[in-house]
PDB file of all heavy atoms in Angstrom:
ATOM      1  N   LEU A   1      57.003  94.692 107.513  1.00  0.00           N
ATOM      2  CA  LEU A   1      56.193  94.863 108.726  1.00  0.00           C
ATOM      3  C   LEU A   1      56.939  94.364 109.967  1.00  0.00           C
ATOM      4  O   LEU A   1      56.901  94.997 111.025  1.00  0.00           O
ATOM      5  CB  LEU A   1      54.849  94.141 108.583  1.00  0.00           C
ATOM      6  CG  LEU A   1      53.855  94.773 107.601  1.00  0.00           C
ATOM      7  CD1 LEU A   1      52.632  93.869 107.426  1.00  0.00           C
ATOM      8  CD2 LEU A   1      53.448  96.153 108.087  1.00  0.00           C
ATOM      9  N   GLN A   2      57.618  93.228 109.838  1.00  0.00           N
ATOM     10  CA  GLN A   2      58.386  92.697 110.967  1.00  0.00           C
ATOM     11  C   GLN A   2      59.534  93.628 111.330  1.00  0.00           C
ATOM     12  O   GLN A   2      59.797  93.872 112.510  1.00  0.00           O
ATOM     13  CB  GLN A   2      58.932  91.306 110.630  1.00  0.00           C
ATOM     14  CG  GLN A   2      57.900  90.216 110.631  1.00  0.00           C
ATOM     15  CD  GLN A   2      58.484  88.865 110.266  1.00  0.00           C
ATOM     16  OE1 GLN A   2      59.638  88.760 109.837  1.00  0.00           O
ATOM     17  NE2 GLN A   2      57.684  87.818 110.440  1.00  0.00           N
ATOM     18  N   LEU A   3      60.222  94.146 110.325  1.00  0.00           N
ATOM     19  CA  LEU A   3      61.334  95.058 110.590  1.00  0.00           C
ATOM     20  C   LEU A   3      60.840  96.365 111.223  1.00  0.00           C
ATOM     21  O   LEU A   3      61.467  96.891 112.142  1.00  0.00           O
ATOM     22  CB  LEU A   3      62.104  95.349 109.301  1.00  0.00           C
ATOM     23  CG  LEU A   3      62.941  94.194 108.760  1.00  0.00           C
ATOM     24  CD1 LEU A   3      63.492  94.539 107.384  1.00  0.00           C
ATOM     25  CD2 LEU A   3      64.066  93.857 109.727  1.00  0.00           C
ATOM     26  N   GLU A   4      59.725  96.879 110.749  1.00  0.00           N
ATOM     27  CA  GLU A   4      59.174  98.102 111.342  1.00  0.00           C
ATOM     28  C   GLU A   4      58.768  97.876 112.793  1.00  0.00           C
ATOM     29  O   GLU A   4      58.983  98.739 113.642  1.00  0.00           O
ATOM     30  CB  GLU A   4      57.975  98.585 110.519  1.00  0.00           C
ATOM     31  CG  GLU A   4      58.370  99.203 109.195  1.00  0.00           C
ATOM     32  CD  GLU A   4      57.173  99.564 108.326  1.00  0.00           C
ATOM     33  OE1 GLU A   4      56.051  99.082 108.602  1.00  0.00           O
ATOM     34  OE2 GLU A   4      57.383 100.330 107.371  1.00  0.00           O
ATOM     35  N   ALA A   5      58.208  96.710 113.073  1.00  0.00           N
ATOM     36  CA  ALA A   5      57.843  96.388 114.452  1.00  0.00           C
ATOM     37  C   ALA A   5      59.088  96.308 115.329  1.00  0.00           C
ATOM     38  O   ALA A   5      59.093  96.789 116.469  1.00  0.00           O
ATOM     39  CB  ALA A   5      57.061  95.073 114.500  1.00  0.00           C
ATOM     40  N   ARG A   6      60.143  95.710 114.798  1.00  0.00           N
ATOM     41  CA  ARG A   6      61.392  95.586 115.561  1.00  0.00           C
ATOM     42  C   ARG A   6      62.020  96.962 115.809  1.00  0.00           C
ATOM     43  O   ARG A   6      62.522  97.245 116.893  1.00  0.00           O
ATOM     44  CB  ARG A   6      62.373  94.667 114.820  1.00  0.00           C
ATOM     45  CG  ARG A   6      63.678  94.462 115.514  1.00  0.00           C
ATOM     46  CD  ARG A   6      63.514  93.747 116.823  1.00  0.00           C
ATOM     47  NE  ARG A   6      64.826  93.520 117.416  1.00  0.00           N
ATOM     48  CZ  ARG A   6      65.044  93.451 118.703  1.00  0.00           C
ATOM     49  NH1 ARG A   6      64.045  93.520 119.550  1.00  0.00           N
ATOM     50  NH2 ARG A   6      66.257  93.268 119.157  1.00  0.00           N
ATOM     51  N   VAL A   7      61.991  97.817 114.797  1.00  0.00           N
ATOM     52  CA  VAL A   7      62.528  99.172 114.950  1.00  0.00           C
ATOM     53  C   VAL A   7      61.743  99.927 116.022  1.00  0.00           C
ATOM     54  O   VAL A   7      62.324 100.606 116.873  1.00  0.00           O
ATOM     55  CB  VAL A   7      62.507  99.927 113.600  1.00  0.00           C
ATOM     56  CG1 VAL A   7      62.753 101.419 113.794  1.00  0.00           C
ATOM     57  CG2 VAL A   7      63.536  99.347 112.648  1.00  0.00           C
ATOM     58  N   ALA A   8      60.428  99.808 116.000  1.00  0.00           N
ATOM     59  CA  ALA A   8      59.595 100.472 117.014  1.00  0.00           C
ATOM     60  C   ALA A   8      59.934  99.960 118.411  1.00  0.00           C
ATOM     61  O   ALA A   8      60.003 100.730 119.368  1.00  0.00           O
ATOM     62  CB  ALA A   8      58.123 100.252 116.701  1.00  0.00           C
ATOM     63  N   GLU A   9      60.154  98.658 118.516  1.00  0.00           N
ATOM     64  CA  GLU A   9      60.529  98.057 119.799  1.00  0.00           C
ATOM     65  C   GLU A   9      61.869  98.595 120.287  1.00  0.00           C
ATOM     66  O   GLU A   9      62.019  98.951 121.460  1.00  0.00           O
ATOM     67  CB  GLU A   9      60.587  96.535 119.634  1.00  0.00           C
ATOM     68  CG  GLU A   9      60.952  95.764 120.878  1.00  0.00           C
ATOM     69  CD  GLU A   9      61.063  94.268 120.581  1.00  0.00           C
ATOM     70  OE1 GLU A   9      60.232  93.742 119.819  1.00  0.00           O
ATOM     71  OE2 GLU A   9      61.990  93.644 121.135  1.00  0.00           O
ATOM     72  N   LEU A  10      62.839  98.681 119.388  1.00  0.00           N
ATOM     73  CA  LEU A  10      64.164  99.193 119.758  1.00  0.00           C
ATOM     74  C   LEU A  10      64.103 100.674 120.119  1.00  0.00           C
ATOM     75  O   LEU A  10      64.782 101.119 121.045  1.00  0.00           O
ATOM     76  CB  LEU A  10      65.159  98.956 118.625  1.00  0.00           C
ATOM     77  CG  LEU A  10      65.534  97.494 118.377  1.00  0.00           C
ATOM     78  CD1 LEU A  10      66.372  97.372 117.109  1.00  0.00           C
ATOM     79  CD2 LEU A  10      66.272  96.915 119.570  1.00  0.00           C
ATOM     80  N   GLU A  11      63.302 101.444 119.418  1.00  0.00           N
ATOM     81  CA  GLU A  11      63.139 102.859 119.735  1.00  0.00           C
ATOM     82  C   GLU A  11      62.541 103.040 121.132  1.00  0.00           C
ATOM     83  O   GLU A  11      62.946 103.911 121.880  1.00  0.00           O
ATOM     84  CB  GLU A  11      62.249 103.552 118.695  1.00  0.00           C
ATOM     85  CG  GLU A  11      62.941 103.818 117.380  1.00  0.00           C
ATOM     86  CD  GLU A  11      64.036 104.848 117.487  1.00  0.00           C
ATOM     87  OE1 GLU A  11      63.912 105.799 118.270  1.00  0.00           O
ATOM     88  OE2 GLU A  11      65.051 104.695 116.778  1.00  0.00           O
ATOM     89  N   ALA A  12      61.573 102.194 121.461  1.00  0.00           N
ATOM     90  CA  ALA A  12      60.956 102.264 122.791  1.00  0.00           C
ATOM     91  C   ALA A  12      61.984 101.942 123.868  1.00  0.00           C
ATOM     92  O   ALA A  12      62.004 102.575 124.925  1.00  0.00           O
ATOM     93  CB  ALA A  12      59.770 101.311 122.870  1.00  0.00           C
ATOM     94  N   MET A  13      62.830 100.971 123.619  1.00  0.00           N
ATOM     95  CA  MET A  13      63.870 100.607 124.587  1.00  0.00           C
ATOM     96  C   MET A  13      64.859 101.745 124.743  1.00  0.00           C
ATOM     97  O   MET A  13      65.332 102.017 125.843  1.00  0.00           O
ATOM     98  CB  MET A  13      64.608  99.339 124.129  1.00  0.00           C
ATOM     99  CG  MET A  13      63.792  98.088 124.225  1.00  0.00           C
ATOM    100  SD  MET A  13      64.587  96.661 123.471  1.00  0.00           S
ATOM    101  CE  MET A  13      66.136  96.591 124.335  1.00  0.00           C
ATOM    102  N   LYS A  14      65.174 102.424 123.660  1.00  0.00           N
ATOM    103  CA  LYS A  14      66.137 103.509 123.677  1.00  0.00           C
ATOM    104  C   LYS A  14      65.634 104.676 124.518  1.00  0.00           C
ATOM    105  O   LYS A  14      66.392 105.337 125.199  1.00  0.00           O
ATOM    106  CB  LYS A  14      66.389 103.962 122.236  1.00  0.00           C
ATOM    107  CG  LYS A  14      67.353 105.077 122.064  1.00  0.00           C
ATOM    108  CD  LYS A  14      67.510 105.356 120.584  1.00  0.00           C
ATOM    109  CE  LYS A  14      68.017 106.745 120.347  1.00  0.00           C
ATOM    110  NZ  LYS A  14      68.056 107.076 118.939  1.00  0.00           N
ATOM    111  N   LYS A  15      64.334 104.923 124.489  1.00  0.00           N
ATOM    112  CA  LYS A  15      63.748 106.055 125.204  1.00  0.00           C
ATOM    113  C   LYS A  15      63.517 105.767 126.675  1.00  0.00           C
ATOM    114  O   LYS A  15      63.233 106.665 127.440  1.00  0.00           O
ATOM    115  CB  LYS A  15      62.444 106.468 124.538  1.00  0.00           C
ATOM    116  CG  LYS A  15      62.662 107.057 123.163  1.00  0.00           C
ATOM    117  CD  LYS A  15      61.378 107.433 122.511  1.00  0.00           C
ATOM    118  CE  LYS A  15      61.660 107.958 121.109  1.00  0.00           C
ATOM    119  NZ  LYS A  15      60.439 108.234 120.370  1.00  0.00           N
ATOM    120  N   THR A  16      63.614 104.514 127.077  1.00  0.00           N
ATOM    121  CA  THR A  16      63.410 104.155 128.471  1.00  0.00           C
ATOM    122  C   THR A  16      64.598 104.666 129.282  1.00  0.00           C
ATOM    123  O   THR A  16      65.747 104.374 128.980  1.00  0.00           O
ATOM    124  CB  THR A  16      63.286 102.627 128.635  1.00  0.00           C
ATOM    125  OG1 THR A  16      62.231 102.166 127.807  1.00  0.00           O
ATOM    126  CG2 THR A  16      63.035 102.245 130.069  1.00  0.00           C
ATOM    127  N   THR A  17      64.307 105.445 130.303  1.00  0.00           N
ATOM    128  CA  THR A  17      65.372 105.966 131.147  1.00  0.00           C
ATOM    129  C   THR A  17      65.139 105.523 132.580  1.00  0.00           C
ATOM    130  O   THR A  17      64.012 105.290 133.000  1.00  0.00           O
ATOM    131  CB  THR A  17      65.407 107.507 131.104  1.00  0.00           C
ATOM    132  OG1 THR A  17      64.135 108.011 131.493  1.00  0.00           O
ATOM    133  CG2 THR A  17      65.756 108.017 129.726  1.00  0.00           C
ATOM    134  N   THR A  18      66.220 105.408 133.300  1.00  0.00           N
ATOM    135  CA  THR A  18      66.136 105.045 134.703  1.00  0.00           C
ATOM    136  C   THR A  18      66.035 106.320 135.537  1.00  0.00           C
ATOM    137  O   THR A  18      66.402 107.398 135.065  1.00  0.00           O
ATOM    138  CB  THR A  18      67.379 104.243 135.139  1.00  0.00           C
ATOM    139  OG1 THR A  18      68.524 105.105 135.056  1.00  0.00           O
ATOM    140  CG2 THR A  18      67.580 103.014 134.268  1.00  0.00           C
ATOM    141  N   PRO A  19      65.555 106.199 136.756  1.00  0.00           N
ATOM    142  CA  PRO A  19      65.508 107.381 137.629  1.00  0.00           C
ATOM    143  C   PRO A  19      66.899 108.019 137.798  1.00  0.00           C
ATOM    144  O   PRO A  19      67.016 109.246 137.858  1.00  0.00           O
ATOM    145  CB  PRO A  19      64.989 106.827 138.954  1.00  0.00           C
ATOM    146  CG  PRO A  19      64.213 105.621 138.574  1.00  0.00           C
ATOM    147  CD  PRO A  19      64.926 105.035 137.379  1.00  0.00           C
ATOM    148  N   TRP A  20      67.939 107.183 137.835  1.00  0.00           N
ATOM    149  CA  TRP A  20      69.283 107.737 137.995  1.00  0.00           C
ATOM    150  C   TRP A  20      69.695 108.567 136.787  1.00  0.00           C
ATOM    151  O   TRP A  20      70.321 109.607 136.925  1.00  0.00           O
ATOM    152  CB  TRP A  20      70.334 106.654 138.246  1.00  0.00           C
ATOM    153  CG  TRP A  20      71.692 107.248 138.179  1.00  0.00           C
ATOM    154  CD1 TRP A  20      72.607 107.105 137.187  1.00  0.00           C
ATOM    155  CD2 TRP A  20      72.278 108.165 139.116  1.00  0.00           C
ATOM    156  NE1 TRP A  20      73.714 107.859 137.442  1.00  0.00           N
ATOM    157  CE2 TRP A  20      73.543 108.519 138.620  1.00  0.00           C
ATOM    158  CE3 TRP A  20      71.855 108.708 140.311  1.00  0.00           C
ATOM    159  CZ2 TRP A  20      74.385 109.391 139.291  1.00  0.00           C
ATOM    160  CZ3 TRP A  20      72.703 109.583 140.981  1.00  0.00           C
ATOM    161  CH2 TRP A  20      73.950 109.912 140.478  1.00  0.00           C
ATOM    162  N   GLN A  21      69.353 108.129 135.573  1.00  0.00           N
ATOM    163  CA  GLN A  21      69.732 108.881 134.384  1.00  0.00           C
ATOM    164  C   GLN A  21      69.117 110.274 134.408  1.00  0.00           C
ATOM    165  O   GLN A  21      69.783 111.251 134.028  1.00  0.00           O
ATOM    166  CB  GLN A  21      69.315 108.128 133.119  1.00  0.00           C
ATOM    167  CG  GLN A  21      70.147 106.882 132.880  1.00  0.00           C
ATOM    168  CD  GLN A  21      69.606 106.027 131.763  1.00  0.00           C
ATOM    169  OE1 GLN A  21      68.395 105.872 131.626  1.00  0.00           O
ATOM    170  NE2 GLN A  21      70.488 105.459 130.961  1.00  0.00           N
ATOM    171  N   ILE A  22      67.892 110.378 134.867  1.00  0.00           N
ATOM    172  CA  ILE A  22      67.242 111.683 134.974  1.00  0.00           C
ATOM    173  C   ILE A  22      67.944 112.534 136.023  1.00  0.00           C
ATOM    174  O   ILE A  22      68.268 113.702 135.785  1.00  0.00           O
ATOM    175  CB  ILE A  22      65.752 111.500 135.324  1.00  0.00           C
ATOM    176  CG1 ILE A  22      65.036 110.779 134.175  1.00  0.00           C
ATOM    177  CG2 ILE A  22      65.098 112.842 135.646  1.00  0.00           C
ATOM    178  CD1 ILE A  22      63.653 110.279 134.523  1.00  0.00           C
ATOM    179  N   LEU A  23      68.221 111.940 137.182  1.00  0.00           N
ATOM    180  CA  LEU A  23      68.902 112.668 138.256  1.00  0.00           C
ATOM    181  C   LEU A  23      70.317 113.064 137.838  1.00  0.00           C
ATOM    182  O   LEU A  23      70.781 114.161 138.147  1.00  0.00           O
ATOM    183  CB  LEU A  23      68.943 111.812 139.526  1.00  0.00           C
ATOM    184  CG  LEU A  23      69.520 112.468 140.773  1.00  0.00           C
ATOM    185  CD1 LEU A  23      68.744 113.732 141.135  1.00  0.00           C
ATOM    186  CD2 LEU A  23      69.515 111.496 141.930  1.00  0.00           C
ATOM    187  N   SER A  24      70.977 112.198 137.109  1.00  0.00           N
ATOM    188  CA  SER A  24      72.333 112.477 136.639  1.00  0.00           C
ATOM    189  C   SER A  24      72.361 113.718 135.753  1.00  0.00           C
ATOM    190  O   SER A  24      73.250 114.574 135.883  1.00  0.00           O
ATOM    191  CB  SER A  24      72.872 111.263 135.880  1.00  0.00           C
ATOM    192  OG  SER A  24      74.143 111.527 135.357  1.00  0.00           O
ATOM    193  N   LYS A  25      71.390 113.840 134.869  1.00  0.00           N
ATOM    194  CA  LYS A  25      71.311 115.027 134.000  1.00  0.00           C
ATOM    195  C   LYS A  25      71.049 116.278 134.831  1.00  0.00           C
ATOM    196  O   LYS A  25      71.609 117.341 134.547  1.00  0.00           O
ATOM    197  CB  LYS A  25      70.201 114.855 132.959  1.00  0.00           C
ATOM    198  CG  LYS A  25      70.548 113.891 131.867  1.00  0.00           C
ATOM    199  CD  LYS A  25      71.646 114.446 131.004  1.00  0.00           C
ATOM    200  CE  LYS A  25      71.948 113.486 129.872  1.00  0.00           C
ATOM    201  NZ  LYS A  25      73.167 113.828 129.173  1.00  0.00           N
ATOM    202  N   GLU A  26      70.216 116.155 135.861  1.00  0.00           N
ATOM    203  CA  GLU A  26      69.948 117.295 136.733  1.00  0.00           C
ATOM    204  C   GLU A  26      71.218 117.737 137.463  1.00  0.00           C
ATOM    205  O   GLU A  26      71.478 118.935 137.610  1.00  0.00           O
ATOM    206  CB  GLU A  26      68.851 116.954 137.735  1.00  0.00           C
ATOM    207  CG  GLU A  26      67.488 116.791 137.117  1.00  0.00           C
ATOM    208  CD  GLU A  26      66.426 116.322 138.105  1.00  0.00           C
ATOM    209  OE1 GLU A  26      66.683 116.315 139.323  1.00  0.00           O
ATOM    210  OE2 GLU A  26      65.338 115.965 137.631  1.00  0.00           O
ATOM    211  N   ILE A  27      72.002 116.762 137.920  1.00  0.00           N
ATOM    212  CA  ILE A  27      73.276 117.088 138.583  1.00  0.00           C
ATOM    213  C   ILE A  27      74.179 117.841 137.625  1.00  0.00           C
ATOM    214  O   ILE A  27      74.772 118.869 137.983  1.00  0.00           O
ATOM    215  CB  ILE A  27      73.974 115.805 139.105  1.00  0.00           C
ATOM    216  CG1 ILE A  27      73.159 115.166 140.222  1.00  0.00           C
ATOM    217  CG2 ILE A  27      75.397 116.121 139.578  1.00  0.00           C
ATOM    218  CD1 ILE A  27      73.653 113.782 140.624  1.00  0.00           C
ATOM    219  N   GLU A  28      74.292 117.352 136.401  1.00  0.00           N
ATOM    220  CA  GLU A  28      75.140 118.015 135.407  1.00  0.00           C
ATOM    221  C   GLU A  28      74.674 119.449 135.160  1.00  0.00           C
ATOM    222  O   GLU A  28      75.507 120.366 135.085  1.00  0.00           O
ATOM    223  CB  GLU A  28      75.126 117.234 134.102  1.00  0.00           C
ATOM    224  CG  GLU A  28      75.889 115.937 134.162  1.00  0.00           C
ATOM    225  CD  GLU A  28      75.773 115.128 132.877  1.00  0.00           C
ATOM    226  OE1 GLU A  28      75.379 115.696 131.832  1.00  0.00           O
ATOM    227  OE2 GLU A  28      76.078 113.927 132.922  1.00  0.00           O
ATOM    228  N   ASN A  29      73.368 119.642 135.029  1.00  0.00           N
ATOM    229  CA  ASN A  29      72.836 120.988 134.780  1.00  0.00           C
ATOM    230  C   ASN A  29      73.133 121.924 135.944  1.00  0.00           C
ATOM    231  O   ASN A  29      73.480 123.092 135.731  1.00  0.00           O
ATOM    232  CB  ASN A  29      71.330 120.932 134.522  1.00  0.00           C
ATOM    233  CG  ASN A  29      70.997 120.244 133.220  1.00  0.00           C
ATOM    234  OD1 ASN A  29      71.820 120.158 132.320  1.00  0.00           O
ATOM    235  ND2 ASN A  29      69.784 119.744 133.116  1.00  0.00           N
ATOM    236  N   GLU A  30      72.992 121.431 137.165  1.00  0.00           N
ATOM    237  CA  GLU A  30      73.271 122.270 138.338  1.00  0.00           C
ATOM    238  C   GLU A  30      74.761 122.572 138.455  1.00  0.00           C
ATOM    239  O   GLU A  30      75.143 123.691 138.799  1.00  0.00           O
ATOM    240  CB  GLU A  30      72.756 121.594 139.614  1.00  0.00           C
ATOM    241  CG  GLU A  30      71.245 121.537 139.701  1.00  0.00           C
ATOM    242  CD  GLU A  30      70.584 122.914 139.677  1.00  0.00           C
ATOM    243  OE1 GLU A  30      71.072 123.827 140.369  1.00  0.00           O
ATOM    244  OE2 GLU A  30      69.601 123.062 138.946  1.00  0.00           O
ATOM    245  N   LEU A  31      75.588 121.590 138.164  1.00  0.00           N
ATOM    246  CA  LEU A  31      77.031 121.829 138.236  1.00  0.00           C
ATOM    247  C   LEU A  31      77.493 122.804 137.159  1.00  0.00           C
ATOM    248  O   LEU A  31      78.449 123.552 137.368  1.00  0.00           O
ATOM    249  CB  LEU A  31      77.796 120.509 138.128  1.00  0.00           C
ATOM    250  CG  LEU A  31      77.737 119.610 139.365  1.00  0.00           C
ATOM    251  CD1 LEU A  31      78.430 118.289 139.094  1.00  0.00           C
ATOM    252  CD2 LEU A  31      78.358 120.296 140.574  1.00  0.00           C
ATOM    253  N   ASP A  32      76.821 122.819 136.025  1.00  0.00           N
ATOM    254  CA  ASP A  32      77.161 123.778 134.969  1.00  0.00           C
ATOM    255  C   ASP A  32      77.011 125.213 135.463  1.00  0.00           C
ATOM    256  O   ASP A  32      77.749 126.098 135.032  1.00  0.00           O
ATOM    257  CB  ASP A  32      76.263 123.576 133.739  1.00  0.00           C
ATOM    258  CG  ASP A  32      76.666 122.381 132.909  1.00  0.00           C
ATOM    259  OD1 ASP A  32      77.811 121.919 133.037  1.00  0.00           O
ATOM    260  OD2 ASP A  32      75.820 121.904 132.113  1.00  0.00           O
ATOM    261  N   LYS A  33      76.081 125.434 136.371  1.00  0.00           N
ATOM    262  CA  LYS A  33      75.846 126.779 136.907  1.00  0.00           C
ATOM    263  C   LYS A  33      76.901 127.181 137.927  1.00  0.00           C
ATOM    264  O   LYS A  33      77.093 128.367 138.188  1.00  0.00           O
ATOM    265  CB  LYS A  33      74.465 126.843 137.567  1.00  0.00           C
ATOM    266  CG  LYS A  33      73.319 126.584 136.622  1.00  0.00           C
ATOM    267  CD  LYS A  33      72.008 126.511 137.395  1.00  0.00           C
ATOM    268  CE  LYS A  33      70.868 126.044 136.522  1.00  0.00           C
ATOM    269  NZ  LYS A  33      69.629 125.845 137.298  1.00  0.00           N
ATOM    270  N   VAL A  34      77.580 126.198 138.524  1.00  0.00           N
ATOM    271  CA  VAL A  34      78.476 126.463 139.652  1.00  0.00           C
ATOM    272  C   VAL A  34      79.956 126.374 139.262  1.00  0.00           C
ATOM    273  O   VAL A  34      80.773 127.154 139.735  1.00  0.00           O
ATOM    274  CB  VAL A  34      78.172 125.472 140.802  1.00  0.00           C
ATOM    275  CG1 VAL A  34      79.113 125.670 141.965  1.00  0.00           C
ATOM    276  CG2 VAL A  34      76.731 125.617 141.249  1.00  0.00           C
ATOM    277  N   ILE A  35      80.294 125.430 138.419  1.00  0.00           N
ATOM    278  CA  ILE A  35      81.696 125.164 138.098  1.00  0.00           C
ATOM    279  C   ILE A  35      81.921 125.363 136.602  1.00  0.00           C
ATOM    280  O   ILE A  35      81.176 124.843 135.774  1.00  0.00           O
ATOM    281  CB  ILE A  35      82.074 123.724 138.512  1.00  0.00           C
ATOM    282  CG1 ILE A  35      81.854 123.536 140.018  1.00  0.00           C
ATOM    283  CG2 ILE A  35      83.517 123.425 138.155  1.00  0.00           C
ATOM    284  CD1 ILE A  35      82.042 122.128 140.501  1.00  0.00           C
ATOM    285  N   GLU A  36      82.972 126.108 136.284  1.00  0.00           N
ATOM    286  CA  GLU A  36      83.243 126.433 134.891  1.00  0.00           C
ATOM    287  C   GLU A  36      84.038 125.333 134.169  1.00  0.00           C
ATOM    288  O   GLU A  36      83.728 124.992 133.037  1.00  0.00           O
ATOM    289  CB  GLU A  36      84.036 127.748 134.790  1.00  0.00           C
ATOM    290  CG  GLU A  36      83.328 128.951 135.383  1.00  0.00           C
ATOM    291  CD  GLU A  36      83.482 129.058 136.898  1.00  0.00           C
ATOM    292  OE1 GLU A  36      84.456 128.508 137.462  1.00  0.00           O
ATOM    293  OE2 GLU A  36      82.605 129.677 137.522  1.00  0.00           O
ATOM    294  N   LYS A  37      85.053 124.804 134.800  1.00  0.00           N
ATOM    295  CA  LYS A  37      85.951 123.847 134.143  1.00  0.00           C
ATOM    296  C   LYS A  37      85.307 122.467 134.054  1.00  0.00           C
ATOM    297  O   LYS A  37      84.809 121.932 135.039  1.00  0.00           O
ATOM    298  CB  LYS A  37      87.267 123.744 134.901  1.00  0.00           C
ATOM    299  CG  LYS A  37      88.082 125.021 134.866  1.00  0.00           C
ATOM    300  CD  LYS A  37      89.391 124.832 135.583  1.00  0.00           C
ATOM    301  CE  LYS A  37      90.214 126.104 135.579  1.00  0.00           C
ATOM    302  NZ  LYS A  37      91.449 125.925 136.340  1.00  0.00           N
ATOM    303  N   HIS A  38      85.378 121.890 132.844  1.00  0.00           N
ATOM    304  CA  HIS A  38      84.752 120.584 132.592  1.00  0.00           C
ATOM    305  C   HIS A  38      85.330 119.496 133.494  1.00  0.00           C
ATOM    306  O   HIS A  38      84.588 118.692 134.061  1.00  0.00           O
ATOM    307  CB  HIS A  38      84.926 120.197 131.120  1.00  0.00           C
ATOM    308  CG  HIS A  38      84.393 118.848 130.804  1.00  0.00           C
ATOM    309  ND1 HIS A  38      83.039 118.591 130.722  1.00  0.00           N
ATOM    310  CD2 HIS A  38      85.019 117.660 130.573  1.00  0.00           C
ATOM    311  CE1 HIS A  38      82.857 117.309 130.448  1.00  0.00           C
ATOM    312  NE2 HIS A  38      84.034 116.733 130.346  1.00  0.00           N
TER     313      HIS A  38
END
């Protein structure tokens, strides 16, 4: 039970994203449409 609780806690931390991480992915997606070379 303790290990399952800890795993759930770590999973929740893993899914937490910052506003910049979301914006960063949006930038990458938009650049994929404009620039071919990685």
